[in-house]
Amino acid sequence: MRRSAGRAGIKPQLLMAILYNESYKPHDPELERSWQRIKPDAAFGIANMHRAAFNETKRGRSFAGRSWEELPDNPELAVEAAAWHLHDLAARLPRRTRGTLSKDELLALGYNTGSGNMRAFATGAKPGAQAQSYLDRLHQNWAKAANAVQVP
């Protein structure tokens, strides 16, 4: 966790809190594949990453030759991809933001709702009920995430 976050230049605590947010569904590889057969646009792996986000994130990275289908079986790949996805989202944030949301909150919302919505929130748009629920869970998971990523 710390290694992937460090390489991507993001806070390990943010990455861990997002993984806690994304832990709402069971992450059994066979169950995920079964669900994907029913819902082809389902997300994979412990970071619940969608195919398009993974394919965009992997370009030019050390895991460029890897496949989205590997995520359910490879938590390390899922964590690395999530870290770099957050890095890419950070690069899309406007220089100046309006409103009360922190950079970490905006990145979490970007992870959950996409970069376009993240930019809208950064310029003052208010999160809807679903996005606010994601933020509320992020806040609930923040201290737990800090404890999980402490250096031993």
C-alpha atoms as a PDB file:
ATOM      1  CA  MET A   1       0.000   0.000   0.000  1.00  0.00           C
ATOM      2  CA  ARG A   2       2.643   2.522   1.062  1.00  0.00           C
ATOM      3  CA  ARG A   3       4.922   1.537  -1.815  1.00  0.00           C
ATOM      4  CA  SER A   4       2.221   1.947  -4.481  1.00  0.00           C
ATOM      5  CA  ALA A   5       1.027   5.240  -2.990  1.00  0.00           C
ATOM      6  CA  GLY A   6       4.603   6.524  -2.757  1.00  0.00           C
ATOM      7  CA  ARG A   7       5.391   5.672  -6.360  1.00  0.00           C
ATOM      8  CA  ALA A   8       2.220   7.413  -7.511  1.00  0.00           C
ATOM      9  CA  GLY A   9       2.794  10.431  -5.267  1.00  0.00           C
ATOM     10  CA  ILE A  10      -0.432  10.124  -3.298  1.00  0.00           C
ATOM     11  CA  LYS A  11      -1.159   9.734   0.396  1.00  0.00           C
ATOM     12  CA  PRO A  12      -1.215   6.107   1.563  1.00  0.00           C
ATOM     13  CA  GLN A  13      -4.018   7.033   3.974  1.00  0.00           C
ATOM     14  CA  LEU A  14      -6.181   8.289   1.091  1.00  0.00           C
ATOM     15  CA  LEU A  15      -5.575   5.119  -0.918  1.00  0.00           C
ATOM     16  CA  MET A  16      -6.391   2.917   2.079  1.00  0.00           C
ATOM     17  CA  ALA A  17      -9.532   4.902   2.955  1.00  0.00           C
ATOM     18  CA  ILE A  18     -10.754   4.504  -0.624  1.00  0.00           C
ATOM     19  CA  LEU A  19     -10.090   0.760  -0.469  1.00  0.00           C
ATOM     20  CA  TYR A  20     -12.143   0.615   2.730  1.00  0.00           C
ATOM     21  CA  ASN A  21     -14.907   2.535   0.931  1.00  0.00           C
ATOM     22  CA  GLU A  22     -14.754   0.045  -1.915  1.00  0.00           C
ATOM     23  CA  SER A  23     -14.921  -2.988   0.386  1.00  0.00           C
ATOM     24  CA  TYR A  24     -18.737  -2.954   0.443  1.00  0.00           C
ATOM     25  CA  LYS A  25     -18.912  -5.974  -1.863  1.00  0.00           C
ATOM     26  CA  PRO A  26     -17.282  -9.379  -1.503  1.00  0.00           C
ATOM     27  CA  HIS A  27     -14.030  -9.613  -3.422  1.00  0.00           C
ATOM     28  CA  ASP A  28     -14.012 -13.272  -4.300  1.00  0.00           C
ATOM     29  CA  PRO A  29     -12.554 -13.723  -7.815  1.00  0.00           C
ATOM     30  CA  GLU A  30     -15.145 -16.262  -8.962  1.00  0.00           C
ATOM     31  CA  LEU A  31     -18.046 -14.236  -7.586  1.00  0.00           C
ATOM     32  CA  GLU A  32     -16.746 -11.125  -9.351  1.00  0.00           C
ATOM     33  CA  ARG A  33     -16.442 -12.992 -12.644  1.00  0.00           C
ATOM     34  CA  SER A  34     -19.947 -14.424 -12.269  1.00  0.00           C
ATOM     35  CA  TRP A  35     -21.330 -10.954 -11.588  1.00  0.00           C
ATOM     36  CA  GLN A  36     -19.417  -9.578 -14.592  1.00  0.00           C
ATOM     37  CA  ARG A  37     -21.141 -12.099 -16.859  1.00  0.00           C
ATOM     38  CA  ILE A  38     -24.490 -10.654 -15.717  1.00  0.00           C
ATOM     39  CA  LYS A  39     -23.338  -7.027 -15.623  1.00  0.00           C
ATOM     40  CA  PRO A  40     -20.484  -6.557 -18.140  1.00  0.00           C
ATOM     41  CA  ASP A  41     -19.632  -3.056 -16.907  1.00  0.00           C
ATOM     42  CA  ALA A  42     -19.079  -4.237 -13.320  1.00  0.00           C
ATOM     43  CA  ALA A  43     -15.918  -3.233 -11.486  1.00  0.00           C
ATOM     44  CA  PHE A  44     -13.162  -5.708 -10.613  1.00  0.00           C
ATOM     45  CA  GLY A  45     -10.706  -6.234  -7.784  1.00  0.00           C
ATOM     46  CA  ILE A  46     -10.370  -4.912  -4.258  1.00  0.00           C
ATOM     47  CA  ALA A  47     -10.332  -1.350  -5.613  1.00  0.00           C
ATOM     48  CA  ASN A  48     -13.529  -1.858  -7.669  1.00  0.00           C
ATOM     49  CA  MET A  49     -11.935  -0.527 -10.825  1.00  0.00           C
ATOM     50  CA  HIS A  50     -13.867  -0.364 -14.061  1.00  0.00           C
ATOM     51  CA  ARG A  51     -12.301  -1.594 -17.283  1.00  0.00           C
ATOM     52  CA  ALA A  52     -12.112   1.863 -18.897  1.00  0.00           C
ATOM     53  CA  ALA A  53     -10.428   3.411 -15.843  1.00  0.00           C
ATOM     54  CA  PHE A  54      -7.897   0.567 -15.678  1.00  0.00           C
ATOM     55  CA  ASN A  55      -7.122   0.710 -19.400  1.00  0.00           C
ATOM     56  CA  GLU A  56      -6.638   4.477 -19.287  1.00  0.00           C
ATOM     57  CA  THR A  57      -4.515   4.319 -16.127  1.00  0.00           C
ATOM     58  CA  LYS A  58      -2.174   1.566 -17.295  1.00  0.00           C
ATOM     59  CA  ARG A  59      -0.925   3.455 -20.370  1.00  0.00           C
ATOM     60  CA  GLY A  60       2.814   4.053 -20.070  1.00  0.00           C
ATOM     61  CA  ARG A  61       3.027   2.406 -16.670  1.00  0.00           C
ATOM     62  CA  SER A  62       4.939  -0.656 -15.490  1.00  0.00           C
ATOM     63  CA  PHE A  63       1.704  -2.677 -15.637  1.00  0.00           C
ATOM     64  CA  ALA A  64       0.792  -1.568 -19.185  1.00  0.00           C
ATOM     65  CA  GLY A  65       0.914  -5.171 -20.386  1.00  0.00           C
ATOM     66  CA  ARG A  66      -1.499  -6.361 -17.714  1.00  0.00           C
ATOM     67  CA  SER A  67      -5.188  -7.006 -18.200  1.00  0.00           C
ATOM     68  CA  TRP A  68      -8.207  -5.696 -16.290  1.00  0.00           C
ATOM     69  CA  GLU A  69      -9.366  -9.314 -16.003  1.00  0.00           C
ATOM     70  CA  GLU A  70      -6.396  -9.978 -13.677  1.00  0.00           C
ATOM     71  CA  LEU A  71      -7.643  -7.610 -10.967  1.00  0.00           C
ATOM     72  CA  PRO A  72      -9.826 -10.090  -9.028  1.00  0.00           C
ATOM     73  CA  ASP A  73      -6.846 -12.445  -8.597  1.00  0.00           C
ATOM     74  CA  ASN A  74      -4.168  -9.830  -8.009  1.00  0.00           C
ATOM     75  CA  PRO A  75      -4.746  -7.399  -5.111  1.00  0.00           C
ATOM     76  CA  GLU A  76      -1.272  -5.901  -5.565  1.00  0.00           C
ATOM     77  CA  LEU A  77      -2.078  -4.971  -9.170  1.00  0.00           C
ATOM     78  CA  ALA A  78      -5.445  -3.554  -8.076  1.00  0.00           C
ATOM     79  CA  VAL A  79      -3.776  -1.370  -5.433  1.00  0.00           C
ATOM     80  CA  GLU A  80      -1.101  -0.167  -7.848  1.00  0.00           C
ATOM     81  CA  ALA A  81      -3.691   0.699 -10.494  1.00  0.00           C
ATOM     82  CA  ALA A  82      -5.846   2.538  -7.938  1.00  0.00           C
ATOM     83  CA  ALA A  83      -2.841   4.561  -6.754  1.00  0.00           C
ATOM     84  CA  TRP A  84      -1.938   5.626 -10.282  1.00  0.00           C
ATOM     85  CA  HIS A  85      -5.569   6.385 -11.063  1.00  0.00           C
ATOM     86  CA  LEU A  86      -5.605   8.779  -8.096  1.00  0.00           C
ATOM     87  CA  HIS A  87      -2.357  10.294  -9.375  1.00  0.00           C
ATOM     88  CA  ASP A  88      -3.974  10.891 -12.766  1.00  0.00           C
ATOM     89  CA  LEU A  89      -7.066  12.399 -11.143  1.00  0.00           C
ATOM     90  CA  ALA A  90      -4.859  14.781  -9.153  1.00  0.00           C
ATOM     91  CA  ALA A  91      -3.318  15.997 -12.414  1.00  0.00           C
ATOM     92  CA  ARG A  92      -6.830  16.858 -13.662  1.00  0.00           C
ATOM     93  CA  LEU A  93      -7.750  19.031 -10.687  1.00  0.00           C
ATOM     94  CA  PRO A  94      -7.919  22.742 -11.425  1.00  0.00           C
ATOM     95  CA  ARG A  95      -5.160  24.853  -9.882  1.00  0.00           C
ATOM     96  CA  ARG A  96      -7.671  26.813  -7.867  1.00  0.00           C
ATOM     97  CA  THR A  97     -10.673  25.216  -6.274  1.00  0.00           C
ATOM     98  CA  ARG A  98     -13.778  26.745  -4.766  1.00  0.00           C
ATOM     99  CA  GLY A  99     -15.882  25.333  -2.025  1.00  0.00           C
ATOM    100  CA  THR A 100     -15.054  23.475   1.145  1.00  0.00           C
ATOM    101  CA  LEU A 101     -13.801  20.142  -0.204  1.00  0.00           C
ATOM    102  CA  SER A 102     -10.170  19.214   0.417  1.00  0.00           C
ATOM    103  CA  LYS A 103      -7.919  17.785  -2.276  1.00  0.00           C
ATOM    104  CA  ASP A 104      -8.261  14.322  -0.709  1.00  0.00           C
ATOM    105  CA  GLU A 105     -12.044  14.611  -0.715  1.00  0.00           C
ATOM    106  CA  LEU A 106     -12.016  15.725  -4.347  1.00  0.00           C
ATOM    107  CA  LEU A 107      -9.759  12.825  -5.341  1.00  0.00           C
ATOM    108  CA  ALA A 108     -12.023  10.356  -3.541  1.00  0.00           C
ATOM    109  CA  LEU A 109     -15.029  11.819  -5.339  1.00  0.00           C
ATOM    110  CA  GLY A 110     -13.120  11.591  -8.609  1.00  0.00           C
ATOM    111  CA  TYR A 111     -12.387   7.941  -7.916  1.00  0.00           C
ATOM    112  CA  ASN A 112     -16.062   7.321  -7.239  1.00  0.00           C
ATOM    113  CA  THR A 113     -17.816   9.603  -9.732  1.00  0.00           C
ATOM    114  CA  GLY A 114     -15.241  10.289 -12.458  1.00  0.00           C
ATOM    115  CA  SER A 115     -12.927  13.152 -13.299  1.00  0.00           C
ATOM    116  CA  GLY A 116     -15.607  15.358 -14.871  1.00  0.00           C
ATOM    117  CA  ASN A 117     -17.692  15.333 -11.724  1.00  0.00           C
ATOM    118  CA  MET A 118     -14.573  15.829  -9.612  1.00  0.00           C
ATOM    119  CA  ARG A 119     -13.737  18.977 -11.557  1.00  0.00           C
ATOM    120  CA  ALA A 120     -17.308  20.213 -11.124  1.00  0.00           C
ATOM    121  CA  PHE A 121     -17.053  19.662  -7.365  1.00  0.00           C
ATOM    122  CA  ALA A 122     -13.695  21.471  -7.384  1.00  0.00           C
ATOM    123  CA  THR A 123     -15.334  24.518  -8.917  1.00  0.00           C
ATOM    124  CA  GLY A 124     -18.114  24.652  -6.344  1.00  0.00           C
ATOM    125  CA  ALA A 125     -20.792  22.144  -7.374  1.00  0.00           C
ATOM    126  CA  LYS A 126     -22.345  20.384  -4.396  1.00  0.00           C
ATOM    127  CA  PRO A 127     -22.112  16.580  -4.229  1.00  0.00           C
ATOM    128  CA  GLY A 128     -25.430  14.791  -4.615  1.00  0.00           C
ATOM    129  CA  ALA A 129     -26.701  12.246  -2.106  1.00  0.00           C
ATOM    130  CA  GLN A 130     -24.706   9.318  -3.496  1.00  0.00           C
ATOM    131  CA  ALA A 131     -21.440  11.279  -3.695  1.00  0.00           C
ATOM    132  CA  GLN A 132     -22.021  12.701  -0.218  1.00  0.00           C
ATOM    133  CA  SER A 133     -22.552   9.178   1.110  1.00  0.00           C
ATOM    134  CA  TYR A 134     -19.190   8.189  -0.386  1.00  0.00           C
ATOM    135  CA  LEU A 135     -17.560  11.172   1.360  1.00  0.00           C
ATOM    136  CA  ASP A 136     -19.251  10.287   4.642  1.00  0.00           C
ATOM    137  CA  ARG A 137     -17.834   6.748   4.418  1.00  0.00           C
ATOM    138  CA  LEU A 138     -14.406   8.190   3.555  1.00  0.00           C
ATOM    139  CA  HIS A 139     -14.531  10.309   6.717  1.00  0.00           C
ATOM    140  CA  GLN A 140     -15.609   7.273   8.762  1.00  0.00           C
ATOM    141  CA  ASN A 141     -12.708   5.248   7.344  1.00  0.00           C
ATOM    142  CA  TRP A 142     -10.051   7.978   7.657  1.00  0.00           C
ATOM    143  CA  ALA A 143      -8.666   7.089  11.113  1.00  0.00           C
ATOM    144  CA  LYS A 144      -8.839   3.353  10.406  1.00  0.00           C
ATOM    145  CA  ALA A 145      -6.901   3.942   7.179  1.00  0.00           C
ATOM    146  CA  ALA A 146      -4.244   5.934   9.040  1.00  0.00           C
ATOM    147  CA  ASN A 147      -3.771   3.056  11.480  1.00  0.00           C
ATOM    148  CA  ALA A 148      -3.596   0.505   8.675  1.00  0.00           C
ATOM    149  CA  VAL A 149      -0.796   2.266   6.785  1.00  0.00           C
ATOM    150  CA  GLN A 150       1.424   3.154   9.739  1.00  0.00           C
ATOM    151  CA  VAL A 151       5.052   2.222   9.317  1.00  0.00           C
ATOM    152  CA  PRO A 152       5.756  -0.824  11.525  1.00  0.00           C
END
